[in-house]
């Protein structure tokens, strides 16, 4: 990403991120009026950007993937509807040049959320550790062939599958049969998928009583992605 792109989109992301983070911390809501303003500003900036650059179809693919990921995780009660809209609106300010960056904002969100939540738990001494079996361990194994070809995006896919699998109450027998089949057909990829999902299983055993707002972490992940992609 060129320096001109940073100068064009970063100030808008910073301003909207500060506003959204403030309202989220104060009232635990991200107003629809803010999302509308974000999309309007993004549209104006992108009209100017794409008048001098190519890659519109790649850009559209990125925001579609971002919206679907956010929507699916909302459906499985990972975050609130306001977070979905905010995540999607911020995605319209990014222009990744590679599919390896498609899921980087969400990976950054996970990393920032875990770090800050653990830090808060240590300070407030509200950490609990309790292991309970999760059906989420099976779905990544069932999708092992897909995960093996995704490169750096694989970790996000594993987490998403783990979370979705832990919430599914139907098709559990199908997950078992498919996971066993994958262990027979692709044992190495299945072991890798199981190992990655087991890390999330261990992480989920830590319970924190805090309830931090999502907007600051979502904002930080998109700012990090924008800066990283410019290097």
Protein backbone atom coordinates (compact mmCIF):
# COMPACT_ATOMS: atom_id res chain seq x y z
CA UNK A 1 0.00 0.00 0.00
CA UNK A 2 1.39 3.38 -0.96
CA UNK A 3 2.00 6.23 1.47
CA UNK A 4 -0.74 8.25 -0.26
CA UNK A 5 -3.24 5.56 0.67
CA UNK A 6 -2.18 5.78 4.32
CA UNK A 7 -2.62 9.54 4.29
CA UNK A 8 -6.02 9.21 2.62
CA UNK A 9 -7.66 6.54 4.81
CA UNK A 10 -5.78 6.43 8.15
CA UNK A 11 -7.04 9.81 9.48
CA UNK A 12 -10.66 8.75 8.89
CA UNK A 13 -10.13 5.39 10.61
CA UNK A 14 -8.51 7.12 13.60
CA UNK A 15 -11.32 9.68 13.99
CA UNK A 16 -14.14 7.16 13.68
CA UNK A 17 -12.33 4.68 15.93
CA UNK A 18 -11.98 7.23 18.72
CA UNK A 19 -15.66 8.17 18.49
CA UNK A 20 -16.85 4.54 18.38
CA UNK A 21 -14.55 3.48 21.23
CA UNK A 22 -15.77 6.35 23.40
CA UNK A 23 -19.46 5.60 22.85
CA UNK A 24 -18.91 1.85 23.26
CA UNK A 25 -17.09 2.32 26.56
CA UNK A 26 -19.66 4.82 27.80
CA UNK A 27 -22.95 3.23 26.73
CA UNK A 28 -21.90 -0.14 25.24
CA UNK A 29 -23.48 0.92 21.93
CA UNK A 30 -22.21 1.99 18.51
CA UNK A 31 -24.77 4.30 16.96
CA UNK A 32 -26.15 3.63 13.49
CA UNK A 33 -25.65 7.30 12.62
CA UNK A 34 -21.90 6.83 13.11
CA UNK A 35 -21.90 3.77 10.83
CA UNK A 36 -23.77 5.72 8.15
CA UNK A 37 -21.21 8.56 8.37
CA UNK A 38 -18.37 6.06 8.12
CA UNK A 39 -19.82 4.45 4.99
CA UNK A 40 -20.48 7.86 3.42
CA UNK A 41 -16.92 9.08 4.03
CA UNK A 42 -15.54 5.75 2.86
CA UNK A 43 -17.57 5.93 -0.35
CA UNK A 44 -16.30 9.44 -1.13
CA UNK A 45 -12.67 8.49 -0.43
CA UNK A 46 -12.93 5.30 -2.47
CA UNK A 47 -14.41 7.12 -5.46
CA UNK A 48 -11.31 9.31 -5.40
CA UNK A 49 -9.00 6.33 -4.78
CA UNK A 50 -10.34 4.04 -7.50
CA UNK A 51 -10.32 6.86 -10.06
CA UNK A 52 -6.53 6.52 -9.95
CA UNK A 53 -6.03 2.88 -8.94
CA UNK A 54 -7.18 -0.60 -9.90
CA UNK A 55 -8.29 -3.58 -7.83
CA UNK A 56 -11.98 -2.81 -7.31
CA UNK A 57 -13.09 -6.46 -7.57
CA UNK A 58 -10.43 -7.55 -5.06
CA UNK A 59 -11.55 -4.77 -2.72
CA UNK A 60 -15.21 -5.85 -3.00
CA UNK A 61 -14.22 -9.46 -2.28
CA UNK A 62 -12.44 -8.32 0.89
CA UNK A 63 -15.40 -6.39 2.31
CA UNK A 64 -17.78 -9.25 1.44
CA UNK A 65 -15.55 -11.73 3.29
CA UNK A 66 -15.31 -9.31 6.23
CA UNK A 67 -19.08 -8.87 6.39
CA UNK A 68 -19.81 -12.59 6.16
CA UNK A 69 -17.25 -13.45 8.84
CA UNK A 70 -18.66 -10.80 11.18
CA UNK A 71 -22.25 -11.85 10.45
CA UNK A 72 -21.63 -15.56 11.01
CA UNK A 73 -19.93 -14.91 14.35
CA UNK A 74 -22.80 -12.61 15.39
CA UNK A 75 -25.24 -15.38 14.51
CA UNK A 76 -23.34 -17.66 16.89
CA UNK A 77 -23.40 -14.98 19.60
CA UNK A 78 -19.70 -14.11 19.43
CA UNK A 79 -20.38 -10.36 19.47
CA UNK A 80 -23.22 -7.86 19.13
CA UNK A 81 -24.87 -6.49 16.00
CA UNK A 82 -23.16 -3.12 16.52
CA UNK A 83 -19.76 -4.83 16.34
CA UNK A 84 -20.75 -6.45 13.04
CA UNK A 85 -21.68 -3.11 11.50
CA UNK A 86 -18.57 -1.40 12.88
CA UNK A 87 -16.26 -4.19 11.65
CA UNK A 88 -17.84 -4.04 8.19
CA UNK A 89 -17.68 -0.24 8.02
CA UNK A 90 -13.98 -0.23 8.94
CA UNK A 91 -13.28 -2.89 6.31
CA UNK A 92 -14.38 -0.45 3.60
CA UNK A 93 -11.35 1.72 4.43
CA UNK A 94 -8.83 -1.07 3.68
CA UNK A 95 -7.47 -2.22 0.32
CA UNK A 96 -5.50 -5.45 0.80
CA UNK A 97 -3.33 -6.53 -2.09
CA UNK A 98 -3.29 -10.20 -1.06
CA UNK A 99 -5.83 -12.72 0.24
CA UNK A 100 -3.47 -13.38 3.16
CA UNK A 101 -4.65 -10.04 4.58
CA UNK A 102 -8.37 -10.78 4.25
CA UNK A 103 -8.68 -12.16 7.78
CA UNK A 104 -5.82 -10.24 9.39
CA UNK A 105 -8.12 -7.62 11.01
CA UNK A 106 -10.04 -10.36 12.80
CA UNK A 107 -6.81 -12.11 13.82
CA UNK A 108 -5.58 -8.80 15.20
CA UNK A 109 -8.85 -8.34 17.07
CA UNK A 110 -8.45 -11.74 18.70
CA UNK A 111 -4.86 -11.00 19.70
CA UNK A 112 -5.62 -7.57 21.15
CA UNK A 113 -8.72 -8.88 22.96
CA UNK A 114 -6.84 -11.77 24.55
CA UNK A 115 -3.92 -9.59 25.66
CA UNK A 116 -6.10 -6.86 27.18
CA UNK A 117 -8.55 -9.31 28.77
CA UNK A 118 -5.72 -11.29 30.39
CA UNK A 119 -4.12 -8.08 31.60
CA UNK A 120 -7.44 -6.94 33.10
CA UNK A 121 -7.97 -10.35 34.71
CA UNK A 122 -4.53 -10.27 36.33
CA UNK A 123 -5.06 -6.76 37.71
CA UNK A 124 -8.55 -7.48 39.03
CA UNK A 125 -7.74 -11.07 40.07
CA UNK A 126 -10.84 -12.43 38.36
CA UNK A 127 -9.30 -15.32 36.40
CA UNK A 128 -10.75 -18.81 36.69
CA UNK A 129 -9.58 -22.00 34.93
CA UNK A 130 -12.05 -24.79 34.22
CA UNK A 131 -11.74 -27.42 31.50
CA UNK A 132 -14.92 -28.68 29.85
CA UNK A 133 -15.09 -30.75 26.68
CA UNK A 134 -16.05 -28.70 23.62
CA UNK A 135 -17.52 -29.98 20.37
CA UNK A 136 -15.55 -27.21 18.73
CA UNK A 137 -12.52 -29.51 18.73
CA UNK A 138 -14.09 -31.67 15.99
CA UNK A 139 -15.15 -29.13 13.36
CA UNK A 140 -11.61 -27.91 12.51
CA UNK A 141 -10.54 -31.55 12.08
CA UNK A 142 -13.51 -32.16 9.78
CA UNK A 143 -12.37 -29.18 7.69
CA UNK A 144 -8.66 -30.08 7.79
CA UNK A 145 -8.15 -30.10 3.97
CA UNK A 146 -9.48 -26.56 3.71
CA UNK A 147 -7.41 -25.28 6.62
CA UNK A 148 -4.20 -26.77 5.18
CA UNK A 149 -4.28 -24.53 2.09
CA UNK A 150 -5.09 -21.20 3.80
CA UNK A 151 -1.62 -20.19 4.99
CA UNK A 152 -1.58 -17.43 7.59
CA UNK A 153 -5.36 -17.18 7.51
CA UNK A 154 -5.63 -20.73 8.87
CA UNK A 155 -5.53 -19.63 12.51
CA UNK A 156 -8.57 -17.40 12.06
CA UNK A 157 -10.42 -20.19 10.24
CA UNK A 158 -9.56 -22.67 13.00
CA UNK A 159 -10.84 -20.30 15.66
CA UNK A 160 -14.03 -19.57 13.71
CA UNK A 161 -14.68 -23.27 13.16
CA UNK A 162 -13.89 -24.04 16.79
CA UNK A 163 -16.33 -21.37 18.00
CA UNK A 164 -19.06 -22.39 15.54
CA UNK A 165 -18.57 -26.07 16.38
CA UNK A 166 -18.86 -25.35 20.11
CA UNK A 167 -22.23 -23.66 19.52
CA UNK A 168 -23.70 -26.23 17.13
CA UNK A 169 -26.27 -28.53 18.67
CA UNK A 170 -27.14 -30.35 15.47
CA UNK A 171 -25.04 -32.48 13.14
CA UNK A 172 -22.70 -33.54 15.95
CA UNK A 173 -22.74 -37.16 14.79
CA UNK A 174 -21.86 -35.96 11.29
CA UNK A 175 -18.91 -33.98 12.72
CA UNK A 176 -17.68 -37.10 14.51
CA UNK A 177 -17.88 -39.28 11.40
CA UNK A 178 -16.24 -36.64 9.19
CA UNK A 179 -13.46 -35.99 11.73
CA UNK A 180 -12.69 -39.71 11.97
CA UNK A 181 -12.71 -39.94 8.16
CA UNK A 182 -10.23 -37.05 7.91
CA UNK A 183 -7.94 -38.68 10.46
CA UNK A 184 -7.85 -41.74 8.20
CA UNK A 185 -7.49 -39.89 4.89
CA UNK A 186 -5.32 -36.94 5.96
CA UNK A 187 -3.79 -37.77 9.36
CA UNK A 188 -1.09 -35.07 9.27
CA UNK A 189 -3.46 -32.21 8.40
CA UNK A 190 -5.98 -33.53 10.92
CA UNK A 191 -3.39 -33.55 13.71
CA UNK A 192 -2.37 -29.97 12.83
CA UNK A 193 -6.01 -28.83 12.88
CA UNK A 194 -6.63 -30.61 16.18
CA UNK A 195 -3.49 -29.10 17.71
CA UNK A 196 -4.53 -25.59 16.70
CA UNK A 197 -8.09 -26.04 17.96
CA UNK A 198 -6.75 -27.51 21.22
CA UNK A 199 -4.97 -24.22 21.87
CA UNK A 200 -8.31 -22.43 21.66
CA UNK A 201 -9.81 -25.14 23.87
CA UNK A 202 -7.21 -24.37 26.54
CA UNK A 203 -7.70 -20.63 26.11
CA UNK A 204 -11.47 -20.99 26.51
CA UNK A 205 -10.91 -22.72 29.85
CA UNK A 206 -9.81 -19.38 31.29
CA UNK A 207 -12.85 -17.47 32.51
CA UNK A 208 -12.82 -13.72 33.01
CA UNK A 209 -15.55 -11.82 34.80
CA UNK A 210 -14.76 -8.58 33.01
CA UNK A 211 -16.78 -7.37 30.02
CA UNK A 212 -14.62 -5.08 27.93
CA UNK A 213 -16.12 -3.17 24.97
CA UNK A 214 -15.15 -4.48 21.53
CA UNK A 215 -14.80 -1.23 19.57
CA UNK A 216 -11.29 -0.31 20.86
CA UNK A 217 -9.92 -3.77 19.95
CA UNK A 218 -11.63 -3.79 16.54
CA UNK A 219 -10.26 -0.31 15.85
CA UNK A 220 -6.73 -1.27 16.89
CA UNK A 221 -6.79 -4.33 14.63
CA UNK A 222 -7.78 -2.33 11.54
CA UNK A 223 -5.24 0.41 12.25
CA UNK A 224 -2.56 -2.26 12.69
CA UNK A 225 -3.59 -3.95 9.42
CA UNK A 226 -3.54 -0.67 7.50
CA UNK A 227 -0.06 0.24 8.77
CA UNK A 228 1.33 -3.29 8.35
CA UNK A 229 0.11 -3.56 4.76
CA UNK A 230 1.90 -0.30 3.92
CA UNK A 231 5.34 -1.60 4.96
